[in-house]
C-alpha cells in the first residue's frame, strides 16, 4: 500500500513527519461499497422482477375478466403486494445504478499526489532544526548567522542585515 509522506513544521524547532494512508483506504472503501451495492441491486432487482411477474400472472388469471375466481379482498391484497414489489424492485434498481457508479469512480479515480497533502511552503529556516544550525557562517563575511523567529529570516550580526 503506497504511503504519502509530508513534513510540516508549526515552529522552527519542530520537524514533524506525517504519514497518510487515507487516500488509498478511501479508494478501497469506495470500491467495496460499490461492489456491495451492485450485488444487492442485481439480486434485489432479479428477485423483485421474478416475483412481480409471478404475481402479475396470478392477478391476470384470477382477478380479471370473466374468470374472477378470487374474492375482491384477496385481489386487493395481491395488488397492494404487487405495488410494494414494484417499489422494492425500483429501489434495488437504484442500488444497482449507485453501485455501478461507485465502482467506476473507485476504478477511475487516481490516488491523490503527495503535493495535495503538503502544507504551503515555509519560508525561512531550512528543513533541519534551525537551532542546530546556529553556527552556520554568513556567505559574505563568514560570521555565524542567527535565526530571528519574529521575521522568519536569518540575521548576520556583523553586517546587520537579513539574508
N, C-alpha and C. Protein backbone atom coordinates (compact mmCIF):
# COMPACT_ATOMS: atom_id res chain seq x y z
N UNK A 1 0.85 -1.17 0.00
CA UNK A 1 0.00 0.00 0.00
C UNK A 1 0.90 1.24 0.00
N UNK A 2 0.78 2.12 -1.00
CA UNK A 2 1.65 3.29 -1.04
C UNK A 2 1.34 4.24 0.10
N UNK A 3 2.38 4.89 0.58
CA UNK A 3 2.22 5.85 1.67
C UNK A 3 2.67 7.21 1.17
N UNK A 4 1.94 8.22 1.57
CA UNK A 4 2.27 9.58 1.18
C UNK A 4 2.79 10.30 2.41
N UNK A 5 3.98 10.84 2.28
CA UNK A 5 4.60 11.48 3.42
C UNK A 5 4.78 12.95 3.15
N UNK A 6 4.62 13.73 4.16
CA UNK A 6 4.93 15.14 4.07
C UNK A 6 5.42 15.61 5.42
N UNK A 7 6.15 16.69 5.38
CA UNK A 7 6.67 17.25 6.61
C UNK A 7 6.02 18.60 6.83
N UNK A 8 5.66 18.85 8.05
CA UNK A 8 5.11 20.15 8.38
C UNK A 8 5.73 20.61 9.68
N UNK A 9 5.98 21.88 9.76
CA UNK A 9 6.54 22.40 11.00
C UNK A 9 5.73 23.61 11.42
N UNK A 10 5.25 23.55 12.65
CA UNK A 10 4.49 24.66 13.18
C UNK A 10 5.41 25.63 13.91
N UNK A 11 6.62 25.20 14.22
CA UNK A 11 7.61 26.02 14.89
C UNK A 11 8.96 25.63 14.33
N UNK A 12 9.90 26.54 14.22
CA UNK A 12 11.20 26.18 13.62
C UNK A 12 11.90 25.02 14.31
N UNK A 13 11.60 24.80 15.60
CA UNK A 13 12.28 23.70 16.31
C UNK A 13 11.67 22.34 16.00
N UNK A 14 10.45 22.32 15.51
CA UNK A 14 9.75 21.06 15.31
C UNK A 14 9.91 20.60 13.86
N UNK A 15 10.09 19.33 13.72
CA UNK A 15 10.13 18.74 12.39
C UNK A 15 9.25 17.50 12.47
N UNK A 16 7.99 17.63 12.11
CA UNK A 16 7.02 16.57 12.28
C UNK A 16 6.80 15.88 10.95
N UNK A 17 6.87 14.56 10.95
CA UNK A 17 6.62 13.80 9.74
C UNK A 17 5.29 13.08 9.89
N UNK A 18 4.39 13.32 8.94
CA UNK A 18 3.05 12.74 8.99
C UNK A 18 2.91 11.79 7.82
N UNK A 19 2.45 10.58 8.09
CA UNK A 19 2.24 9.60 7.03
C UNK A 19 0.75 9.37 6.89
N UNK A 20 0.26 9.43 5.65
CA UNK A 20 -1.18 9.29 5.44
C UNK A 20 -1.47 8.11 4.53
N UNK A 21 -2.38 7.24 4.96
CA UNK A 21 -2.85 6.13 4.14
C UNK A 21 -4.29 6.35 3.71
N UNK A 22 -4.89 7.45 4.12
CA UNK A 22 -6.30 7.68 3.88
C UNK A 22 -6.72 7.70 2.42
N UNK A 23 -5.94 8.28 1.50
CA UNK A 23 -6.41 8.28 0.10
C UNK A 23 -6.61 6.87 -0.44
N UNK A 24 -5.69 5.96 -0.14
CA UNK A 24 -5.81 4.59 -0.63
C UNK A 24 -6.95 3.87 0.06
N UNK A 25 -7.11 4.08 1.37
CA UNK A 25 -8.20 3.45 2.10
C UNK A 25 -9.55 3.94 1.61
N UNK A 26 -9.64 5.22 1.28
CA UNK A 26 -10.90 5.76 0.77
C UNK A 26 -11.23 5.15 -0.59
N UNK A 27 -10.22 4.99 -1.42
CA UNK A 27 -10.45 4.40 -2.73
C UNK A 27 -10.92 2.96 -2.60
N UNK A 28 -10.29 2.19 -1.71
CA UNK A 28 -10.70 0.81 -1.48
C UNK A 28 -12.11 0.77 -0.89
N UNK A 29 -12.40 1.69 0.03
CA UNK A 29 -13.73 1.76 0.62
C UNK A 29 -14.81 2.04 -0.41
N UNK A 30 -14.53 2.95 -1.34
CA UNK A 30 -15.50 3.26 -2.40
C UNK A 30 -15.71 2.02 -3.27
N UNK A 31 -14.64 1.31 -3.58
CA UNK A 31 -14.76 0.09 -4.38
C UNK A 31 -15.59 -0.97 -3.66
N UNK A 32 -15.34 -1.17 -2.37
CA UNK A 32 -16.06 -2.19 -1.61
C UNK A 32 -17.55 -1.84 -1.53
N UNK A 33 -17.85 -0.59 -1.20
CA UNK A 33 -19.26 -0.17 -1.12
C UNK A 33 -19.93 -0.29 -2.48
N UNK A 34 -19.21 0.06 -3.54
CA UNK A 34 -19.76 -0.08 -4.89
C UNK A 34 -20.08 -1.52 -5.24
N UNK A 35 -19.19 -2.44 -4.90
CA UNK A 35 -19.43 -3.86 -5.20
C UNK A 35 -20.61 -4.38 -4.39
N UNK A 36 -20.68 -3.99 -3.10
CA UNK A 36 -21.80 -4.45 -2.26
C UNK A 36 -23.12 -3.95 -2.80
N UNK A 37 -23.19 -2.66 -3.15
CA UNK A 37 -24.44 -2.11 -3.70
C UNK A 37 -24.79 -2.75 -5.04
N UNK A 38 -23.78 -3.03 -5.84
CA UNK A 38 -24.01 -3.68 -7.13
C UNK A 38 -24.61 -5.07 -6.93
N UNK A 39 -24.05 -5.84 -6.01
CA UNK A 39 -24.57 -7.19 -5.74
C UNK A 39 -25.99 -7.11 -5.19
N UNK A 40 -26.22 -6.22 -4.20
CA UNK A 40 -27.57 -6.07 -3.65
C UNK A 40 -28.55 -5.63 -4.73
N UNK A 41 -28.13 -4.71 -5.59
CA UNK A 41 -29.01 -4.23 -6.65
C UNK A 41 -29.37 -5.33 -7.64
N UNK A 42 -28.38 -6.11 -8.06
CA UNK A 42 -28.65 -7.19 -9.01
C UNK A 42 -29.57 -8.24 -8.38
N UNK A 43 -29.22 -8.67 -7.16
CA UNK A 43 -30.03 -9.71 -6.51
C UNK A 43 -31.45 -9.23 -6.23
N UNK A 44 -31.58 -8.02 -5.69
CA UNK A 44 -32.90 -7.50 -5.37
C UNK A 44 -33.75 -7.24 -6.59
N UNK A 45 -33.16 -6.69 -7.63
CA UNK A 45 -33.92 -6.42 -8.85
C UNK A 45 -34.35 -7.73 -9.52
N UNK A 46 -33.46 -8.73 -9.53
CA UNK A 46 -33.83 -10.01 -10.13
C UNK A 46 -34.94 -10.69 -9.33
N UNK A 47 -34.81 -10.70 -8.01
CA UNK A 47 -35.83 -11.30 -7.15
C UNK A 47 -37.17 -10.58 -7.29
N UNK A 48 -37.12 -9.25 -7.25
CA UNK A 48 -38.35 -8.47 -7.37
C UNK A 48 -39.01 -8.64 -8.72
N UNK A 49 -38.24 -8.66 -9.78
CA UNK A 49 -38.80 -8.83 -11.12
C UNK A 49 -39.45 -10.20 -11.28
N UNK A 50 -38.77 -11.22 -10.76
CA UNK A 50 -39.33 -12.58 -10.85
C UNK A 50 -40.66 -12.66 -10.10
N UNK A 51 -40.66 -12.20 -8.84
CA UNK A 51 -41.89 -12.26 -8.04
C UNK A 51 -42.99 -11.40 -8.64
N UNK A 52 -42.64 -10.26 -9.20
CA UNK A 52 -43.63 -9.39 -9.80
C UNK A 52 -44.26 -10.05 -11.02
N UNK A 53 -43.45 -10.75 -11.81
CA UNK A 53 -44.01 -11.44 -12.98
C UNK A 53 -44.93 -12.59 -12.55
N UNK A 54 -44.55 -13.29 -11.47
CA UNK A 54 -45.41 -14.37 -10.97
C UNK A 54 -46.74 -13.81 -10.45
N UNK A 55 -46.66 -12.75 -9.67
CA UNK A 55 -47.89 -12.14 -9.13
C UNK A 55 -48.77 -11.58 -10.24
N UNK A 56 -48.12 -11.05 -11.24
CA UNK A 56 -48.87 -10.49 -12.37
C UNK A 56 -49.65 -11.60 -13.09
N UNK A 57 -49.01 -12.77 -13.22
CA UNK A 57 -49.70 -13.90 -13.85
C UNK A 57 -50.88 -14.38 -13.03
N UNK A 58 -50.71 -14.43 -11.69
CA UNK A 58 -51.80 -14.83 -10.81
C UNK A 58 -52.93 -13.81 -10.89
N UNK A 59 -52.57 -12.54 -10.89
CA UNK A 59 -53.59 -11.49 -10.95
C UNK A 59 -54.35 -11.57 -12.27
N UNK A 60 -53.64 -11.78 -13.34
CA UNK A 60 -54.27 -11.87 -14.67
C UNK A 60 -55.23 -13.07 -14.72
N UNK A 61 -54.81 -14.19 -14.13
CA UNK A 61 -55.61 -15.40 -14.23
C UNK A 61 -56.82 -15.39 -13.31
N UNK A 62 -56.67 -14.81 -12.12
CA UNK A 62 -57.74 -14.97 -11.13
C UNK A 62 -58.51 -13.69 -10.78
N UNK A 63 -58.02 -12.55 -11.17
CA UNK A 63 -58.68 -11.31 -10.72
C UNK A 63 -59.23 -10.45 -11.85
N UNK A 64 -59.07 -10.84 -13.07
CA UNK A 64 -59.56 -10.00 -14.18
C UNK A 64 -60.51 -10.78 -15.07
N UNK A 65 -61.30 -10.06 -15.76
CA UNK A 65 -62.19 -10.65 -16.76
C UNK A 65 -63.26 -11.55 -16.18
N UNK A 66 -63.68 -12.55 -16.99
CA UNK A 66 -64.76 -13.45 -16.62
C UNK A 66 -64.32 -14.49 -15.59
N UNK A 67 -63.02 -14.77 -15.53
CA UNK A 67 -62.54 -15.82 -14.63
C UNK A 67 -62.21 -15.26 -13.25
N UNK A 68 -62.98 -14.37 -12.75
CA UNK A 68 -62.74 -13.75 -11.44
C UNK A 68 -63.07 -14.77 -10.35
N UNK A 69 -62.08 -15.60 -10.00
CA UNK A 69 -62.28 -16.68 -9.05
C UNK A 69 -62.05 -16.18 -7.62
N UNK A 70 -61.02 -15.35 -7.43
CA UNK A 70 -60.68 -14.89 -6.09
C UNK A 70 -61.68 -13.84 -5.61
N UNK A 71 -61.78 -13.74 -4.31
CA UNK A 71 -62.64 -12.75 -3.69
C UNK A 71 -62.01 -11.36 -3.89
N UNK A 72 -62.84 -10.35 -3.90
CA UNK A 72 -62.38 -8.98 -4.13
C UNK A 72 -61.27 -8.58 -3.16
N UNK A 73 -61.39 -8.97 -1.90
CA UNK A 73 -60.40 -8.60 -0.89
C UNK A 73 -59.05 -9.25 -1.18
N UNK A 74 -59.05 -10.50 -1.60
CA UNK A 74 -57.80 -11.18 -1.94
C UNK A 74 -57.12 -10.52 -3.14
N UNK A 75 -57.92 -10.08 -4.10
CA UNK A 75 -57.36 -9.38 -5.27
C UNK A 75 -56.74 -8.05 -4.85
N UNK A 76 -57.39 -7.33 -3.93
CA UNK A 76 -56.84 -6.06 -3.46
C UNK A 76 -55.53 -6.28 -2.70
N UNK A 77 -55.47 -7.33 -1.89
CA UNK A 77 -54.22 -7.65 -1.19
C UNK A 77 -53.10 -7.97 -2.18
N UNK A 78 -53.45 -8.72 -3.22
CA UNK A 78 -52.46 -9.06 -4.25
C UNK A 78 -51.98 -7.81 -4.97
N UNK A 79 -52.88 -6.90 -5.27
CA UNK A 79 -52.50 -5.65 -5.95
C UNK A 79 -51.61 -4.78 -5.06
N UNK A 80 -51.90 -4.73 -3.75
CA UNK A 80 -51.03 -3.98 -2.83
C UNK A 80 -49.64 -4.61 -2.77
N UNK A 81 -49.60 -5.92 -2.71
CA UNK A 81 -48.30 -6.61 -2.68
C UNK A 81 -47.53 -6.37 -3.97
N UNK A 82 -48.24 -6.37 -5.09
CA UNK A 82 -47.57 -6.08 -6.37
C UNK A 82 -47.02 -4.66 -6.38
N UNK A 83 -47.76 -3.70 -5.82
CA UNK A 83 -47.26 -2.33 -5.73
C UNK A 83 -46.01 -2.23 -4.88
N UNK A 84 -46.01 -2.94 -3.75
CA UNK A 84 -44.83 -2.96 -2.88
C UNK A 84 -43.64 -3.60 -3.59
N UNK A 85 -43.88 -4.67 -4.34
CA UNK A 85 -42.78 -5.31 -5.09
C UNK A 85 -42.24 -4.38 -6.17
N UNK A 86 -43.09 -3.55 -6.75
CA UNK A 86 -42.60 -2.59 -7.74
C UNK A 86 -41.69 -1.56 -7.08
N UNK A 87 -42.06 -1.09 -5.89
CA UNK A 87 -41.21 -0.14 -5.17
C UNK A 87 -39.88 -0.78 -4.80
N UNK A 88 -39.92 -2.01 -4.28
CA UNK A 88 -38.69 -2.70 -3.89
C UNK A 88 -37.79 -2.92 -5.10
N UNK A 89 -38.38 -3.30 -6.22
CA UNK A 89 -37.60 -3.50 -7.43
C UNK A 89 -36.98 -2.19 -7.90
N UNK A 90 -37.72 -1.10 -7.79
CA UNK A 90 -37.17 0.21 -8.17
C UNK A 90 -36.02 0.64 -7.28
N UNK A 91 -36.15 0.42 -5.97
CA UNK A 91 -35.07 0.76 -5.04
C UNK A 91 -33.84 -0.09 -5.32
N UNK A 92 -34.04 -1.36 -5.61
CA UNK A 92 -32.89 -2.23 -5.94
C UNK A 92 -32.25 -1.79 -7.26
N UNK A 93 -33.06 -1.29 -8.17
CA UNK A 93 -32.50 -0.73 -9.40
C UNK A 93 -31.64 0.48 -9.12
N UNK A 94 -32.06 1.32 -8.17
CA UNK A 94 -31.23 2.47 -7.77
C UNK A 94 -29.94 2.01 -7.11
N UNK A 95 -30.02 0.96 -6.27
CA UNK A 95 -28.80 0.39 -5.69
C UNK A 95 -27.85 -0.08 -6.78
N UNK A 96 -28.42 -0.70 -7.80
CA UNK A 96 -27.62 -1.19 -8.92
C UNK A 96 -26.90 -0.04 -9.62
N UNK A 97 -27.61 1.03 -9.89
CA UNK A 97 -27.02 2.18 -10.58
C UNK A 97 -25.97 2.85 -9.69
N UNK A 98 -26.29 3.06 -8.41
CA UNK A 98 -25.35 3.69 -7.49
C UNK A 98 -24.10 2.83 -7.29
N UNK A 99 -24.28 1.52 -7.15
CA UNK A 99 -23.13 0.63 -7.01
C UNK A 99 -22.24 0.64 -8.24
N UNK A 100 -22.84 0.67 -9.42
CA UNK A 100 -22.07 0.73 -10.66
C UNK A 100 -21.31 2.04 -10.75
N UNK A 101 -21.96 3.15 -10.36
CA UNK A 101 -21.29 4.45 -10.39
C UNK A 101 -20.11 4.49 -9.41
N UNK A 102 -20.30 3.98 -8.19
CA UNK A 102 -19.21 3.96 -7.21
C UNK A 102 -18.07 3.06 -7.67
N UNK A 103 -18.41 1.97 -8.31
CA UNK A 103 -17.38 1.06 -8.83
C UNK A 103 -16.54 1.77 -9.89
N UNK A 104 -17.19 2.49 -10.78
CA UNK A 104 -16.46 3.23 -11.82
C UNK A 104 -15.61 4.33 -11.19
N UNK A 105 -16.18 5.07 -10.23
CA UNK A 105 -15.42 6.13 -9.56
C UNK A 105 -14.20 5.55 -8.85
N UNK A 106 -14.39 4.43 -8.17
CA UNK A 106 -13.27 3.81 -7.46
C UNK A 106 -12.18 3.31 -8.39
N UNK A 107 -12.57 2.81 -9.55
CA UNK A 107 -11.58 2.30 -10.50
C UNK A 107 -10.87 3.41 -11.27
N UNK A 108 -11.60 4.46 -11.59
CA UNK A 108 -11.04 5.52 -12.44
C UNK A 108 -10.26 6.54 -11.63
N UNK A 109 -10.68 6.80 -10.39
CA UNK A 109 -10.05 7.87 -9.61
C UNK A 109 -8.59 7.53 -9.32
N UNK A 110 -7.79 8.55 -9.41
CA UNK A 110 -6.38 8.39 -9.10
C UNK A 110 -6.16 8.72 -7.64
N UNK A 111 -5.21 8.05 -7.04
CA UNK A 111 -4.87 8.36 -5.66
C UNK A 111 -4.21 9.73 -5.66
N UNK A 112 -4.63 10.62 -4.76
CA UNK A 112 -4.06 11.97 -4.76
C UNK A 112 -2.55 11.96 -4.61
N UNK A 113 -1.95 12.94 -5.23
CA UNK A 113 -0.49 13.05 -5.15
C UNK A 113 -0.09 13.61 -3.80
N UNK A 114 1.13 13.35 -3.40
CA UNK A 114 1.57 13.85 -2.10
C UNK A 114 1.50 15.37 -1.99
N UNK A 115 1.60 16.08 -3.09
CA UNK A 115 1.57 17.53 -3.07
C UNK A 115 0.27 18.09 -2.52
N UNK A 116 -0.81 17.34 -2.64
CA UNK A 116 -2.08 17.82 -2.13
C UNK A 116 -2.14 17.80 -0.62
N UNK A 117 -1.27 17.03 0.02
CA UNK A 117 -1.30 16.90 1.46
C UNK A 117 -0.18 17.68 2.14
N UNK A 118 0.66 18.33 1.38
CA UNK A 118 1.74 19.08 2.00
C UNK A 118 1.25 20.48 2.33
N UNK A 119 1.72 21.02 3.42
CA UNK A 119 1.32 22.38 3.76
C UNK A 119 1.98 23.37 2.81
N UNK A 120 1.53 24.62 2.80
CA UNK A 120 2.19 25.61 1.95
C UNK A 120 3.65 25.76 2.36
N UNK A 121 4.51 26.17 1.44
CA UNK A 121 5.93 26.23 1.76
C UNK A 121 6.20 27.22 2.89
N UNK A 122 7.09 26.83 3.76
CA UNK A 122 7.50 27.68 4.87
C UNK A 122 8.77 28.40 4.44
N UNK A 123 8.74 29.69 4.44
CA UNK A 123 9.93 30.45 4.09
C UNK A 123 10.74 30.69 5.36
N UNK A 124 12.01 30.57 5.26
CA UNK A 124 12.84 30.82 6.43
C UNK A 124 13.84 29.73 6.63
N UNK A 125 13.72 29.01 7.73
CA UNK A 125 14.78 28.06 8.07
C UNK A 125 14.77 26.86 7.13
N UNK A 126 15.90 26.24 6.97
CA UNK A 126 15.93 25.01 6.18
C UNK A 126 15.16 23.91 6.90
N UNK A 127 15.06 22.75 6.25
CA UNK A 127 14.27 21.64 6.79
C UNK A 127 14.83 21.15 8.13
N UNK A 128 16.14 21.28 8.34
CA UNK A 128 16.68 20.82 9.61
C UNK A 128 16.37 21.84 10.71
N UNK A 129 16.63 21.46 11.91
CA UNK A 129 16.35 22.29 13.07
C UNK A 129 17.23 23.54 13.02
N UNK A 130 16.65 24.76 13.04
CA UNK A 130 17.48 25.97 12.94
C UNK A 130 18.37 26.17 14.17
N UNK A 131 17.95 25.60 15.31
CA UNK A 131 18.79 25.77 16.50
C UNK A 131 20.08 24.97 16.36
N UNK A 132 20.03 23.89 15.58
CA UNK A 132 21.25 23.10 15.35
C UNK A 132 22.17 23.81 14.35
N UNK A 133 21.63 24.72 13.57
CA UNK A 133 22.41 25.41 12.54
C UNK A 133 22.87 26.78 13.01
N UNK A 134 22.91 27.04 14.32
CA UNK A 134 23.27 28.36 14.82
C UNK A 134 24.68 28.78 14.40
N UNK A 135 25.55 27.85 14.26
CA UNK A 135 26.92 28.22 13.91
C UNK A 135 27.17 28.34 12.42
N UNK A 136 26.15 28.30 11.61
CA UNK A 136 26.30 28.37 10.15
C UNK A 136 26.88 29.74 9.76
N UNK A 137 27.92 29.74 8.92
CA UNK A 137 28.57 31.02 8.61
C UNK A 137 27.80 31.83 7.56
N UNK A 138 27.96 33.14 7.63
CA UNK A 138 27.38 34.06 6.64
C UNK A 138 28.13 33.85 5.33
N UNK A 139 27.43 33.80 4.19
CA UNK A 139 28.11 33.56 2.92
C UNK A 139 29.03 34.70 2.49
N UNK A 140 28.84 35.92 3.00
CA UNK A 140 29.69 37.04 2.57
C UNK A 140 30.83 37.34 3.55
N UNK A 141 30.54 37.31 4.87
CA UNK A 141 31.58 37.68 5.83
C UNK A 141 32.11 36.52 6.65
N UNK A 142 31.37 35.40 6.72
CA UNK A 142 31.82 34.24 7.47
C UNK A 142 31.42 34.25 8.93
N UNK A 143 30.79 35.33 9.40
CA UNK A 143 30.33 35.41 10.79
C UNK A 143 29.16 34.44 11.00
N UNK A 144 29.01 33.83 12.21
CA UNK A 144 27.88 32.91 12.43
C UNK A 144 26.54 33.64 12.29
N UNK A 145 25.59 32.97 11.64
CA UNK A 145 24.26 33.54 11.44
C UNK A 145 23.37 33.22 12.63
N UNK A 146 22.31 34.02 12.79
CA UNK A 146 21.35 33.84 13.87
C UNK A 146 19.95 33.84 13.26
N UNK A 147 19.11 32.88 13.70
CA UNK A 147 17.72 32.80 13.21
C UNK A 147 16.85 33.72 14.05
N UNK A 148 16.09 34.61 13.36
CA UNK A 148 15.17 35.52 14.06
C UNK A 148 13.76 35.02 13.75
N UNK A 149 13.11 34.48 14.79
CA UNK A 149 11.79 33.86 14.60
C UNK A 149 10.72 34.88 14.24
N UNK A 150 10.80 36.10 14.77
CA UNK A 150 9.78 37.12 14.51
C UNK A 150 9.68 37.46 13.03
N UNK A 151 10.82 37.52 12.37
CA UNK A 151 10.82 37.86 10.94
C UNK A 151 10.98 36.62 10.06
N UNK A 152 11.21 35.48 10.68
CA UNK A 152 11.39 34.21 9.98
C UNK A 152 12.51 34.29 8.94
N UNK A 153 13.62 34.91 9.37
CA UNK A 153 14.77 35.01 8.46
C UNK A 153 16.07 34.88 9.26
N UNK A 154 17.16 34.66 8.50
CA UNK A 154 18.50 34.59 9.10
C UNK A 154 19.08 36.00 9.19
N UNK A 155 19.84 36.27 10.27
CA UNK A 155 20.40 37.60 10.52
C UNK A 155 21.91 37.47 10.73
N UNK A 156 22.64 38.38 10.08
CA UNK A 156 24.09 38.45 10.29
C UNK A 156 24.36 39.64 11.19
N UNK A 157 24.95 39.41 12.39
CA UNK A 157 25.20 40.48 13.36
C UNK A 157 26.28 41.42 12.88
N UNK A 158 27.28 40.91 12.19
CA UNK A 158 28.38 41.75 11.73
C UNK A 158 27.91 42.71 10.64
N UNK A 159 27.16 42.22 9.66
CA UNK A 159 26.69 43.07 8.54
C UNK A 159 25.40 43.79 8.86
N UNK A 160 24.75 43.39 9.96
CA UNK A 160 23.50 43.98 10.42
C UNK A 160 22.43 44.00 9.33
N UNK A 161 22.24 42.80 8.73
CA UNK A 161 21.22 42.65 7.68
C UNK A 161 20.71 41.22 7.65
N UNK A 162 19.49 41.09 7.08
CA UNK A 162 18.89 39.75 6.90
C UNK A 162 19.41 39.13 5.63
N UNK A 163 19.49 37.82 5.63
CA UNK A 163 19.89 37.11 4.41
C UNK A 163 18.69 36.44 3.80
